[in-house]
PDB file of N, CA and C in Angstrom:
ATOM      1  N   MET A   1     104.235  96.908  94.874  1.00  0.00           N
ATOM      2  CA  MET A   1     105.618  97.246  94.829  1.00  0.00           C
ATOM      3  C   MET A   1     106.268  95.885  94.894  1.00  0.00           C
ATOM      4  N   ILE A   2     107.468  95.866  94.303  1.00  0.00           N
ATOM      5  CA  ILE A   2     108.311  94.688  94.112  1.00  0.00           C
ATOM      6  C   ILE A   2     109.232  94.650  95.384  1.00  0.00           C
ATOM      7  N   ALA A   3     109.352  93.531  96.157  1.00  0.00           N
ATOM      8  CA  ALA A   3     110.186  93.414  97.336  1.00  0.00           C
ATOM      9  C   ALA A   3     111.794  93.294  96.782  1.00  0.00           C
ATOM     10  N   GLU A   4     112.504  94.030  97.714  1.00  0.00           N
ATOM     11  CA  GLU A   4     113.916  94.194  97.337  1.00  0.00           C
ATOM     12  C   GLU A   4     114.322  93.044  98.464  1.00  0.00           C
ATOM     13  N   THR A   5     115.067  92.005  97.732  1.00  0.00           N
ATOM     14  CA  THR A   5     115.368  90.568  98.545  1.00  0.00           C
ATOM     15  C   THR A   5     116.931  90.647  98.443  1.00  0.00           C
ATOM     16  N   PRO A   6     117.556  89.982  99.381  1.00  0.00           N
ATOM     17  CA  PRO A   6     118.969  89.686  99.476  1.00  0.00           C
ATOM     18  C   PRO A   6     119.427  88.735  98.207  1.00  0.00           C
ATOM     19  N   GLU A   7     120.887  88.481  98.048  1.00  0.00           N
ATOM     20  CA  GLU A   7     121.227  87.443  97.152  1.00  0.00           C
ATOM     21  C   GLU A   7     120.578  85.985  97.764  1.00  0.00           C
ATOM     22  N   PRO A   8     120.155  85.234  96.898  1.00  0.00           N
ATOM     23  CA  PRO A   8     119.581  84.151  97.289  1.00  0.00           C
ATOM     24  C   PRO A   8     120.903  83.034  97.486  1.00  0.00           C
ATOM     25  N   PRO A   9     120.465  82.117  98.543  1.00  0.00           N
ATOM     26  CA  PRO A   9     119.191  81.362  98.655  1.00  0.00           C
ATOM     27  C   PRO A   9     118.430  82.133  99.828  1.00  0.00           C
ATOM     28  N   TYR A  10     116.863  82.009  99.828  1.00  0.00           N
ATOM     29  CA  TYR A  10     116.194  82.067 100.769  1.00  0.00           C
ATOM     30  C   TYR A  10     114.924  81.660 100.428  1.00  0.00           C
ATOM     31  N   TYR A  11     113.847  82.042 101.385  1.00  0.00           N
ATOM     32  CA  TYR A  11     112.526  81.279 100.921  1.00  0.00           C
ATOM     33  C   TYR A  11     111.547  81.899 100.712  1.00  0.00           C
ATOM     34  N   ALA A  12     110.455  81.579 100.040  1.00  0.00           N
ATOM     35  CA  ALA A  12     109.241  82.098  99.739  1.00  0.00           C
ATOM     36  C   ALA A  12     108.234  81.340 100.002  1.00  0.00           C
ATOM     37  N   VAL A  13     107.074  81.981 100.683  1.00  0.00           N
ATOM     38  CA  VAL A  13     105.929  81.551 101.137  1.00  0.00           C
ATOM     39  C   VAL A  13     104.765  82.084 100.143  1.00  0.00           C
ATOM     40  N   ILE A  14     104.189  81.291  99.572  1.00  0.00           N
ATOM     41  CA  ILE A  14     103.335  81.402  98.241  1.00  0.00           C
ATOM     42  C   ILE A  14     102.025  81.124  98.752  1.00  0.00           C
ATOM     43  N   PHE A  15     101.108  82.442  99.073  1.00  0.00           N
ATOM     44  CA  PHE A  15      99.760  81.795  99.451  1.00  0.00           C
ATOM     45  C   PHE A  15      98.730  82.466  98.484  1.00  0.00           C
ATOM     46  N   THR A  16      98.061  81.434  97.974  1.00  0.00           N
ATOM     47  CA  THR A  16      96.940  81.738  96.982  1.00  0.00           C
ATOM     48  C   THR A  16      95.620  81.515  97.481  1.00  0.00           C
ATOM     49  N   SER A  17      94.667  82.440  97.248  1.00  0.00           N
ATOM     50  CA  SER A  17      93.282  82.223  97.936  1.00  0.00           C
ATOM     51  C   SER A  17      92.163  82.577  96.905  1.00  0.00           C
ATOM     52  N   LEU A  18      91.175  82.007  97.079  1.00  0.00           N
ATOM     53  CA  LEU A  18      89.535  82.584  96.563  1.00  0.00           C
ATOM     54  C   LEU A  18      88.786  82.957  97.754  1.00  0.00           C
ATOM     55  N   MET A  19      88.269  84.363  97.601  1.00  0.00           N
ATOM     56  CA  MET A  19      87.608  84.784  98.775  1.00  0.00           C
ATOM     57  C   MET A  19      86.102  84.392  98.752  1.00  0.00           C
ATOM     58  N   THR A  20      85.605  84.309  99.826  1.00  0.00           N
ATOM     59  CA  THR A  20      84.075  84.096 100.031  1.00  0.00           C
ATOM     60  C   THR A  20      83.419  85.488  99.767  1.00  0.00           C
ATOM     61  N   GLU A  21      82.202  85.607  99.890  1.00  0.00           N
ATOM     62  CA  GLU A  21      81.552  86.986  99.733  1.00  0.00           C
ATOM     63  C   GLU A  21      81.386  87.693 101.166  1.00  0.00           C
ATOM     64  N   GLU A  22      82.237  86.926 102.292  1.00  0.00           N
ATOM     65  CA  GLU A  22      82.357  87.450 103.423  1.00  0.00           C
ATOM     66  C   GLU A  22      83.646  88.261 103.652  1.00  0.00           C
ATOM     67  N   VAL A  23      83.709  89.574 103.523  1.00  0.00           N
ATOM     68  CA  VAL A  23      84.909  90.155 103.375  1.00  0.00           C
ATOM     69  C   VAL A  23      84.836  91.301 104.910  1.00  0.00           C
ATOM     70  N   ASP A  24      83.963  91.407 105.671  1.00  0.00           N
ATOM     71  CA  ASP A  24      84.017  92.364 106.775  1.00  0.00           C
ATOM     72  C   ASP A  24      85.460  91.840 107.693  1.00  0.00           C
ATOM     73  N   GLY A  25      86.011  92.788 107.783  1.00  0.00           N
ATOM     74  CA  GLY A  25      87.174  92.863 108.594  1.00  0.00           C
ATOM     75  C   GLY A  25      88.557  92.354 107.842  1.00  0.00           C
ATOM     76  N   TYR A  26      88.332  91.819 106.699  1.00  0.00           N
ATOM     77  CA  TYR A  26      89.612  91.139 106.042  1.00  0.00           C
ATOM     78  C   TYR A  26      90.609  92.302 105.695  1.00  0.00           C
ATOM     79  N   ALA A  27      90.326  93.244 105.127  1.00  0.00           N
ATOM     80  CA  ALA A  27      91.174  94.323 104.918  1.00  0.00           C
ATOM     81  C   ALA A  27      92.201  94.778 106.153  1.00  0.00           C
ATOM     82  N   ALA A  28      91.643  95.124 107.296  1.00  0.00           N
ATOM     83  CA  ALA A  28      92.305  95.477 108.441  1.00  0.00           C
ATOM     84  C   ALA A  28      93.049  94.399 108.964  1.00  0.00           C
ATOM     85  N   MET A  29      92.473  93.188 109.039  1.00  0.00           N
ATOM     86  CA  MET A  29      93.530  92.175 109.230  1.00  0.00           C
ATOM     87  C   MET A  29      94.696  91.866 108.322  1.00  0.00           C
ATOM     88  N   ALA A  30      94.435  92.048 107.038  1.00  0.00           N
ATOM     89  CA  ALA A  30      95.712  91.978 106.067  1.00  0.00           C
ATOM     90  C   ALA A  30      96.686  92.871 106.574  1.00  0.00           C
ATOM     91  N   GLU A  31      96.088  94.213 106.740  1.00  0.00           N
ATOM     92  CA  GLU A  31      97.115  95.401 106.860  1.00  0.00           C
ATOM     93  C   GLU A  31      97.712  94.930 108.229  1.00  0.00           C
ATOM     94  N   ARG A  32      97.379  94.391 109.151  1.00  0.00           N
ATOM     95  CA  ARG A  32      97.874  94.062 110.534  1.00  0.00           C
ATOM     96  C   ARG A  32      98.740  92.994 110.261  1.00  0.00           C
ATOM     97  N   MET A  33      98.533  92.062 109.690  1.00  0.00           N
ATOM     98  CA  MET A  33      99.594  90.846 109.320  1.00  0.00           C
ATOM     99  C   MET A  33     100.712  91.427 108.552  1.00  0.00           C
ATOM    100  N   VAL A  34     100.650  92.219 107.501  1.00  0.00           N
ATOM    101  CA  VAL A  34     101.850  92.879 106.900  1.00  0.00           C
ATOM    102  C   VAL A  34     102.636  93.618 108.084  1.00  0.00           C
ATOM    103  N   ALA A  35     102.081  94.377 108.706  1.00  0.00           N
ATOM    104  CA  ALA A  35     102.924  95.343 109.662  1.00  0.00           C
ATOM    105  C   ALA A  35     103.446  94.217 110.621  1.00  0.00           C
ATOM    106  N   LEU A  36     102.823  93.163 111.202  1.00  0.00           N
ATOM    107  CA  LEU A  36     103.335  92.173 112.032  1.00  0.00           C
ATOM    108  C   LEU A  36     104.402  91.242 111.497  1.00  0.00           C
ATOM    109  N   ALA A  37     104.093  90.853 110.298  1.00  0.00           N
ATOM    110  CA  ALA A  37     105.053  89.978 109.730  1.00  0.00           C
ATOM    111  C   ALA A  37     106.312  90.645 109.480  1.00  0.00           C
ATOM    112  N   SER A  38     106.263  92.294 108.947  1.00  0.00           N
ATOM    113  CA  SER A  38     107.492  92.919 108.748  1.00  0.00           C
ATOM    114  C   SER A  38     108.409  93.104 110.148  1.00  0.00           C
ATOM    115  N   GLN A  39     108.126  92.639 111.323  1.00  0.00           N
ATOM    116  CA  GLN A  39     108.706  92.896 112.358  1.00  0.00           C
ATOM    117  C   GLN A  39     109.377  91.548 113.008  1.00  0.00           C
ATOM    118  N   GLN A  40     108.860  90.476 112.097  1.00  0.00           N
ATOM    119  CA  GLN A  40     109.482  89.152 112.600  1.00  0.00           C
ATOM    120  C   GLN A  40     110.925  88.975 112.352  1.00  0.00           C
ATOM    121  N   PRO A  41     111.761  88.126 113.132  1.00  0.00           N
ATOM    122  CA  PRO A  41     112.996  87.864 112.614  1.00  0.00           C
ATOM    123  C   PRO A  41     112.791  86.887 111.349  1.00  0.00           C
ATOM    124  N   GLY A  42     113.828  87.373 110.398  1.00  0.00           N
ATOM    125  CA  GLY A  42     113.971  86.394 109.380  1.00  0.00           C
ATOM    126  C   GLY A  42     112.910  87.072 108.021  1.00  0.00           C
ATOM    127  N   PHE A  43     112.077  88.119 108.315  1.00  0.00           N
ATOM    128  CA  PHE A  43     111.138  88.654 107.214  1.00  0.00           C
ATOM    129  C   PHE A  43     111.941  89.599 106.279  1.00  0.00           C
ATOM    130  N   LEU A  44     111.980  89.083 104.964  1.00  0.00           N
ATOM    131  CA  LEU A  44     112.650  90.011 103.971  1.00  0.00           C
ATOM    132  C   LEU A  44     111.918  90.866 103.203  1.00  0.00           C
ATOM    133  N   GLY A  45     110.639  90.374 102.974  1.00  0.00           N
ATOM    134  CA  GLY A  45     109.884  91.384 102.154  1.00  0.00           C
ATOM    135  C   GLY A  45     108.504  90.686 101.954  1.00  0.00           C
ATOM    136  N   MET A  46     107.665  91.430 101.153  1.00  0.00           N
ATOM    137  CA  MET A  46     106.378  90.898 100.799  1.00  0.00           C
ATOM    138  C   MET A  46     105.837  91.449  99.343  1.00  0.00           C
ATOM    139  N   GLU A  47     105.276  90.657  98.578  1.00  0.00           N
ATOM    140  CA  GLU A  47     104.486  91.258  97.352  1.00  0.00           C
ATOM    141  C   GLU A  47     102.918  90.449  97.367  1.00  0.00           C
ATOM    142  N   SER A  48     102.122  91.408  96.920  1.00  0.00           N
ATOM    143  CA  SER A  48     100.752  90.939  96.924  1.00  0.00           C
ATOM    144  C   SER A  48      99.791  91.542  95.850  1.00  0.00           C
ATOM    145  N   ALA A  49      98.836  90.550  95.294  1.00  0.00           N
ATOM    146  CA  ALA A  49      98.040  91.094  94.370  1.00  0.00           C
ATOM    147  C   ALA A  49      96.816  90.429  94.440  1.00  0.00           C
ATOM    148  N   ARG A  50      95.551  90.942  94.221  1.00  0.00           N
ATOM    149  CA  ARG A  50      94.157  90.384  94.275  1.00  0.00           C
ATOM    150  C   ARG A  50      93.342  90.895  93.169  1.00  0.00           C
ATOM    151  N   GLU A  51      92.983  89.638  92.336  1.00  0.00           N
ATOM    152  CA  GLU A  51      91.967  89.967  91.377  1.00  0.00           C
ATOM    153  C   GLU A  51      90.893  88.856  91.849  1.00  0.00           C
ATOM    154  N   GLU A  52      90.593  87.945  90.908  1.00  0.00           N
ATOM    155  CA  GLU A  52      89.679  86.939  91.076  1.00  0.00           C
ATOM    156  C   GLU A  52      90.526  86.009  92.290  1.00  0.00           C
ATOM    157  N   VAL A  53      91.575  85.637  91.902  1.00  0.00           N
ATOM    158  CA  VAL A  53      92.637  84.913  93.013  1.00  0.00           C
ATOM    159  C   VAL A  53      93.805  85.878  93.403  1.00  0.00           C
ATOM    160  N   GLY A  54      93.766  85.668  94.735  1.00  0.00           N
ATOM    161  CA  GLY A  54      94.812  86.553  95.653  1.00  0.00           C
ATOM    162  C   GLY A  54      96.080  85.618  95.507  1.00  0.00           C
ATOM    163  N   VAL A  55      97.120  86.198  95.534  1.00  0.00           N
ATOM    164  CA  VAL A  55      98.374  85.849  95.427  1.00  0.00           C
ATOM    165  C   VAL A  55      99.346  86.865  96.484  1.00  0.00           C
ATOM    166  N   THR A  56      99.694  86.195  97.619  1.00  0.00           N
ATOM    167  CA  THR A  56     100.718  86.933  98.556  1.00  0.00           C
ATOM    168  C   THR A  56     102.053  85.819  98.580  1.00  0.00           C
ATOM    169  N   VAL A  57     103.273  86.678  98.199  1.00  0.00           N
ATOM    170  CA  VAL A  57     104.358  86.181  98.471  1.00  0.00           C
ATOM    171  C   VAL A  57     105.239  86.774  99.420  1.00  0.00           C
ATOM    172  N   SER A  58     105.502  86.178 100.604  1.00  0.00           N
ATOM    173  CA  SER A  58     106.375  86.554 101.589  1.00  0.00           C
ATOM    174  C   SER A  58     107.656  85.673 101.558  1.00  0.00           C
ATOM    175  N   TYR A  59     108.829  86.721 101.863  1.00  0.00           N
ATOM    176  CA  TYR A  59     110.053  86.137 101.734  1.00  0.00           C
ATOM    177  C   TYR A  59     110.719  86.295 102.945  1.00  0.00           C
ATOM    178  N   TRP A  60     111.526  84.965 103.051  1.00  0.00           N
ATOM    179  CA  TRP A  60     112.334  84.721 104.430  1.00  0.00           C
ATOM    180  C   TRP A  60     113.472  84.339 104.583  1.00  0.00           C
ATOM    181  N   SER A  61     114.303  84.385 105.570  1.00  0.00           N
ATOM    182  CA  SER A  61     115.766  83.953 105.406  1.00  0.00           C
ATOM    183  C   SER A  61     115.787  82.514 105.893  1.00  0.00           C
ATOM    184  N   SER A  62     114.898  81.744 106.573  1.00  0.00           N
ATOM    185  CA  SER A  62     115.074  80.495 106.807  1.00  0.00           C
ATOM    186  C   SER A  62     113.580  79.661 107.005  1.00  0.00           C
ATOM    187  N   LEU A  63     113.796  78.508 106.965  1.00  0.00           N
ATOM    188  CA  LEU A  63     112.462  77.650 107.260  1.00  0.00           C
ATOM    189  C   LEU A  63     112.112  78.003 108.802  1.00  0.00           C
ATOM    190  N   GLU A  64     113.296  77.927 109.723  1.00  0.00           N
ATOM    191  CA  GLU A  64     112.852  78.431 110.952  1.00  0.00           C
ATOM    192  C   GLU A  64     112.016  79.462 111.212  1.00  0.00           C
ATOM    193  N   ALA A  65     112.507  80.570 110.444  1.00  0.00           N
ATOM    194  CA  ALA A  65     111.943  81.758 110.338  1.00  0.00           C
ATOM    195  C   ALA A  65     110.158  81.648 110.007  1.00  0.00           C
ATOM    196  N   ILE A  66     109.980  80.706 108.935  1.00  0.00           N
ATOM    197  CA  ILE A  66     108.801  80.609 108.326  1.00  0.00           C
ATOM    198  C   ILE A  66     107.781  79.955 109.477  1.00  0.00           C
ATOM    199  N   ARG A  67     108.562  78.844 110.109  1.00  0.00           N
ATOM    200  CA  ARG A  67     107.889  78.127 111.164  1.00  0.00           C
ATOM    201  C   ARG A  67     107.592  79.070 112.547  1.00  0.00           C
ATOM    202  N   ALA A  68     108.323  80.260 112.817  1.00  0.00           N
ATOM    203  CA  ALA A  68     107.967  80.945 113.762  1.00  0.00           C
ATOM    204  C   ALA A  68     106.700  81.976 113.451  1.00  0.00           C
ATOM    205  N   TRP A  69     106.695  82.257 112.124  1.00  0.00           N
ATOM    206  CA  TRP A  69     105.585  83.230 111.798  1.00  0.00           C
ATOM    207  C   TRP A  69     104.231  82.396 111.700  1.00  0.00           C
ATOM    208  N   LYS A  70     104.284  81.250 111.306  1.00  0.00           N
ATOM    209  CA  LYS A  70     103.126  80.471 111.153  1.00  0.00           C
ATOM    210  C   LYS A  70     102.672  80.128 112.684  1.00  0.00           C
ATOM    211  N   ALA A  71     103.367  79.954 113.556  1.00  0.00           N
ATOM    212  CA  ALA A  71     103.008  79.684 115.084  1.00  0.00           C
ATOM    213  C   ALA A  71     102.759  80.941 115.675  1.00  0.00           C
ATOM    214  N   GLN A  72     103.049  82.146 115.319  1.00  0.00           N
ATOM    215  CA  GLN A  72     102.878  83.571 116.013  1.00  0.00           C
ATOM    216  C   GLN A  72     101.403  83.667 116.146  1.00  0.00           C
ATOM    217  N   LEU A  73     101.112  84.011 117.555  1.00  0.00           N
ATOM    218  CA  LEU A  73      99.610  83.901 118.045  1.00  0.00           C
ATOM    219  C   LEU A  73      98.520  84.476 117.115  1.00  0.00           C
ATOM    220  N   ASP A  74      98.924  85.956 116.842  1.00  0.00           N
ATOM    221  CA  ASP A  74      98.190  86.818 116.189  1.00  0.00           C
ATOM    222  C   ASP A  74      97.911  86.293 114.900  1.00  0.00           C
ATOM    223  N   HIS A  75      98.929  85.801 114.420  1.00  0.00           N
ATOM    224  CA  HIS A  75      98.916  85.084 112.887  1.00  0.00           C
ATOM    225  C   HIS A  75      98.004  83.747 113.058  1.00  0.00           C
ATOM    226  N   ARG A  76      98.122  83.351 113.872  1.00  0.00           N
ATOM    227  CA  ARG A  76      97.378  81.891 114.120  1.00  0.00           C
ATOM    228  C   ARG A  76      95.667  82.349 114.133  1.00  0.00           C
ATOM    229  N   GLU A  77      95.397  83.467 114.678  1.00  0.00           N
ATOM    230  CA  GLU A  77      94.259  83.937 114.913  1.00  0.00           C
ATOM    231  C   GLU A  77      93.738  84.391 113.448  1.00  0.00           C
ATOM    232  N   ALA A  78      94.421  85.050 112.803  1.00  0.00           N
ATOM    233  CA  ALA A  78      94.082  85.567 111.220  1.00  0.00           C
ATOM    234  C   ALA A  78      94.028  84.317 110.251  1.00  0.00           C
ATOM    235  N   GLN A  79      94.946  83.008 110.576  1.00  0.00           N
ATOM    236  CA  GLN A  79      94.566  82.107 109.706  1.00  0.00           C
ATOM    237  C   GLN A  79      93.280  81.211 110.148  1.00  0.00           C
ATOM    238  N   ARG A  80      93.010  81.226 111.314  1.00  0.00           N
ATOM    239  CA  ARG A  80      91.603  80.609 111.604  1.00  0.00           C
ATOM    240  C   ARG A  80      90.476  81.545 111.222  1.00  0.00           C
ATOM    241  N   PHE A  81      90.594  82.886 111.328  1.00  0.00           N
ATOM    242  CA  PHE A  81      89.361  83.774 110.627  1.00  0.00           C
ATOM    243  C   PHE A  81      89.394  83.281 109.038  1.00  0.00           C
ATOM    244  N   GLY A  82      90.424  83.255 108.299  1.00  0.00           N
ATOM    245  CA  GLY A  82      90.494  82.866 107.050  1.00  0.00           C
ATOM    246  C   GLY A  82      89.805  81.849 106.717  1.00  0.00           C
ATOM    247  N   ARG A  83      90.224  80.556 107.489  1.00  0.00           N
ATOM    248  CA  ARG A  83      89.518  79.165 107.186  1.00  0.00           C
ATOM    249  C   ARG A  83      88.069  79.513 107.420  1.00  0.00           C
ATOM    250  N   GLU A  84      87.712  79.983 108.544  1.00  0.00           N
ATOM    251  CA  GLU A  84      86.415  80.152 108.914  1.00  0.00           C
ATOM    252  C   GLU A  84      85.512  81.137 108.232  1.00  0.00           C
ATOM    253  N   ARG A  85      85.793  82.327 107.786  1.00  0.00           N
ATOM    254  CA  ARG A  85      85.284  83.265 106.961  1.00  0.00           C
ATOM    255  C   ARG A  85      85.651  83.614 105.633  1.00  0.00           C
ATOM    256  N   TRP A  86      86.764  83.799 105.385  1.00  0.00           N
ATOM    257  CA  TRP A  86      87.294  84.605 104.285  1.00  0.00           C
ATOM    258  C   TRP A  86      87.551  83.842 103.067  1.00  0.00           C
ATOM    259  N   TYR A  87      88.231  82.793 103.251  1.00  0.00           N
ATOM    260  CA  TYR A  87      88.491  82.019 102.024  1.00  0.00           C
ATOM    261  C   TYR A  87      87.731  80.974 101.672  1.00  0.00           C
ATOM    262  N   ALA A  88      87.298  80.790 100.590  1.00  0.00           N
ATOM    263  CA  ALA A  88      86.506  79.532 100.100  1.00  0.00           C
ATOM    264  C   ALA A  88      87.390  78.632  99.782  1.00  0.00           C
ATOM    265  N   ALA A  89      88.691  79.048  99.347  1.00  0.00           N
ATOM    266  CA  ALA A  89      89.787  77.909  98.999  1.00  0.00           C
ATOM    267  C   ALA A  89      91.177  78.599  99.084  1.00  0.00           C
ATOM    268  N   TYR A  90      91.928  77.886  99.583  1.00  0.00           N
ATOM    269  CA  TYR A  90      93.410  78.756  99.695  1.00  0.00           C
ATOM    270  C   TYR A  90      94.562  77.659  99.526  1.00  0.00           C
ATOM    271  N   ARG A  91      95.726  78.076  99.283  1.00  0.00           N
ATOM    272  CA  ARG A  91      96.659  76.754  99.322  1.00  0.00           C
ATOM    273  C   ARG A  91      98.015  77.785  99.612  1.00  0.00           C
ATOM    274  N   THR A  92      99.124  77.176 100.560  1.00  0.00           N
ATOM    275  CA  THR A  92     100.099  77.682 100.797  1.00  0.00           C
ATOM    276  C   THR A  92     101.363  76.817 100.360  1.00  0.00           C
ATOM    277  N   ARG A  93     102.335  77.371  99.844  1.00  0.00           N
ATOM    278  CA  ARG A  93     103.527  76.747  98.953  1.00  0.00           C
ATOM    279  C   ARG A  93     104.529  77.441  99.515  1.00  0.00           C
ATOM    280  N   ILE A  94     105.756  76.487  99.915  1.00  0.00           N
ATOM    281  CA  ILE A  94     106.892  77.108 100.531  1.00  0.00           C
ATOM    282  C   ILE A  94     108.127  76.716  99.385  1.00  0.00           C
ATOM    283  N   ALA A  95     108.786  77.486  99.121  1.00  0.00           N
ATOM    284  CA  ALA A  95     109.903  77.175  98.031  1.00  0.00           C
ATOM    285  C   ALA A  95     111.026  77.844  98.309  1.00  0.00           C
ATOM    286  N   ARG A  96     112.260  77.192  97.923  1.00  0.00           N
ATOM    287  CA  ARG A  96     113.734  77.917  98.288  1.00  0.00           C
ATOM    288  C   ARG A  96     113.817  78.543  97.031  1.00  0.00           C
ATOM    289  N   VAL A  97     114.241  79.821  97.133  1.00  0.00           N
ATOM    290  CA  VAL A  97     114.714  80.701  95.973  1.00  0.00           C
ATOM    291  C   VAL A  97     116.255  80.358  95.794  1.00  0.00           C
ATOM    292  N   GLU A  98     116.658  79.796  94.465  1.00  0.00           N
ATOM    293  CA  GLU A  98     117.839  79.625  94.424  1.00  0.00           C
ATOM    294  C   GLU A  98     118.554  80.805  93.450  1.00  0.00           C
ATOM    295  N   ARG A  99     117.634  81.453  92.485  1.00  0.00           N
ATOM    296  CA  ARG A  99     118.045  82.380  91.614  1.00  0.00           C
ATOM    297  C   ARG A  99     116.963  83.625  91.682  1.00  0.00           C
ATOM    298  N   GLU A 100     117.781  84.821  91.481  1.00  0.00           N
ATOM    299  CA  GLU A 100     116.852  85.839  91.245  1.00  0.00           C
ATOM    300  C   GLU A 100     117.458  86.730  89.874  1.00  0.00           C
ATOM    301  N   TYR A 101     116.731  87.279  89.279  1.00  0.00           N
ATOM    302  CA  TYR A 101     117.292  88.354  88.158  1.00  0.00           C
ATOM    303  C   TYR A 101     116.202  89.320  87.642  1.00  0.00           C
ATOM    304  N   GLY A 102     116.424  90.500  87.476  1.00  0.00           N
ATOM    305  CA  GLY A 102     115.562  91.389  86.762  1.00  0.00           C
ATOM    306  C   GLY A 102     116.029  92.833  86.668  1.00  0.00           C
ATOM    307  N   THR A 103     115.173  93.676  86.428  1.00  0.00           N
ATOM    308  CA  THR A 103     115.645  94.990  86.294  1.00  0.00           C
ATOM    309  C   THR A 103     115.607  95.580  87.854  1.00  0.00           C
ATOM    310  N   SER A 104     116.200  96.670  88.102  1.00  0.00           N
ATOM    311  CA  SER A 104     116.054  97.789  89.300  1.00  0.00           C
ATOM    312  C   SER A 104     114.508  98.143  89.353  1.00  0.00           C
ATOM    313  N   ILE A 105     114.413  98.642  90.558  1.00  0.00           N
ATOM    314  CA  ILE A 105     112.959  99.372  90.638  1.00  0.00           C
ATOM    315  C   ILE A 105     113.246 100.853  90.272  1.00  0.00           C
ATOM    316  N   PRO A 106     112.657 101.389  89.416  1.00  0.00           N
ATOM    317  CA  PRO A 106     112.872 102.852  89.080  1.00  0.00           C
ATOM    318  C   PRO A 106     112.653 104.047  90.050  1.00  0.00           C
ATOM    319  N   PRO A 107     113.426 104.827  90.108  1.00  0.00           N
ATOM    320  CA  PRO A 107     113.158 105.736  91.083  1.00  0.00           C
ATOM    321  C   PRO A 107     112.160 106.633  90.651  1.00  0.00           C
ATOM    322  N   PRO A 108     111.389 107.207  91.644  1.00  0.00           N
ATOM    323  CA  PRO A 108     110.284 108.371  91.101  1.00  0.00           C
ATOM    324  C   PRO A 108     111.025 109.331  90.352  1.00  0.00           C
ATOM    325  N   SER A 109     110.145 109.679  89.483  1.00  0.00           N
ATOM    326  CA  SER A 109     110.437 110.854  88.448  1.00  0.00           C
ATOM    327  C   SER A 109     109.394 111.889  88.498  1.00  0.00           C
ATOM    328  N   ASP A 110     109.804 113.090  87.805  1.00  0.00           N
ATOM    329  CA  ASP A 110     108.849 114.217  87.564  1.00  0.00           C
ATOM    330  C   ASP A 110     108.053 113.971  86.425  1.00  0.00           C
ATOM    331  N   GLY A 111     108.362 113.266  85.545  1.00  0.00           N
ATOM    332  CA  GLY A 111     107.827 113.040  84.248  1.00  0.00           C
ATOM    333  C   GLY A 111     108.047 111.651  83.736  1.00  0.00           C
ATOM    334  N   PRO A 112     107.204 111.315  82.507  1.00  0.00           N
ATOM    335  CA  PRO A 112     107.497 110.083  81.914  1.00  0.00           C
ATOM    336  C   PRO A 112     108.866 109.914  81.705  1.00  0.00           C
ATOM    337  N   LEU A 113     109.543 108.682  81.586  1.00  0.00           N
ATOM    338  CA  LEU A 113     110.691 108.488  81.012  1.00  0.00           C
ATOM    339  C   LEU A 113     111.019 108.136  79.610  1.00  0.00           C
ATOM    340  N   SER A 114     111.901 108.336  78.948  1.00  0.00           N
ATOM    341  CA  SER A 114     112.230 108.172  77.671  1.00  0.00           C
ATOM    342  C   SER A 114     112.487 106.863  77.371  1.00  0.00           C
ATOM    343  N   PRO A 115     112.348 106.244  76.307  1.00  0.00           N
ATOM    344  CA  PRO A 115     112.646 104.831  75.994  1.00  0.00           C
ATOM    345  C   PRO A 115     114.064 104.322  76.231  1.00  0.00           C
ATOM    346  N   THR A 116     114.911 105.429  76.013  1.00  0.00           N
ATOM    347  CA  THR A 116     116.325 105.210  76.301  1.00  0.00           C
ATOM    348  C   THR A 116     116.848 105.605  77.610  1.00  0.00           C
ATOM    349  N   GLN A 117     116.117 105.847  78.628  1.00  0.00           N
ATOM    350  CA  GLN A 117     116.505 105.855  80.009  1.00  0.00           C
ATOM    351  C   GLN A 117     116.794 104.590  80.575  1.00  0.00           C
ATOM    352  N   GLU A 118     117.981 104.207  81.352  1.00  0.00           N
ATOM    353  CA  GLU A 118     118.331 102.974  81.931  1.00  0.00           C
ATOM    354  C   GLU A 118     118.389 103.436  83.434  1.00  0.00           C
ATOM    355  N   TYR A 119     117.895 102.300  84.383  1.00  0.00           N
ATOM    356  CA  TYR A 119     118.044 102.291  85.603  1.00  0.00           C
ATOM    357  C   TYR A 119     119.438 101.585  85.974  1.00  0.00           C
ATOM    358  N   SER A 120     119.837 102.084  87.029  1.00  0.00           N
ATOM    359  CA  SER A 120     120.990 101.243  87.672  1.00  0.00           C
ATOM    360  C   SER A 120     120.803 100.438  89.098  1.00  0.00           C
TER     361      SER A 120
END
């Protein structure tokens, strides 16, 4: 799913990772962190994909909101497990989003769309 974010500026935390072969508990912790992050002040949305390299981008209203999320106790526990068990390598990057553009997310339909249908 593509996150619906407000007009820029806002911030993106880009987390990329390579997994170890130890995956016990990872999926449950990831679900827990998504639920917890979505309750944090300043959280705007999230997108995630995993193949060989996992990429999760979370969107935040401010650097202060990002710092608060990084310091959240349950999130710190997940970070520790990640370093000790699940990630062979990882990177976290923080960027200010200055501009955004694209198409709207299409509404669910009962069938395939014709090439001439447009979304507003």
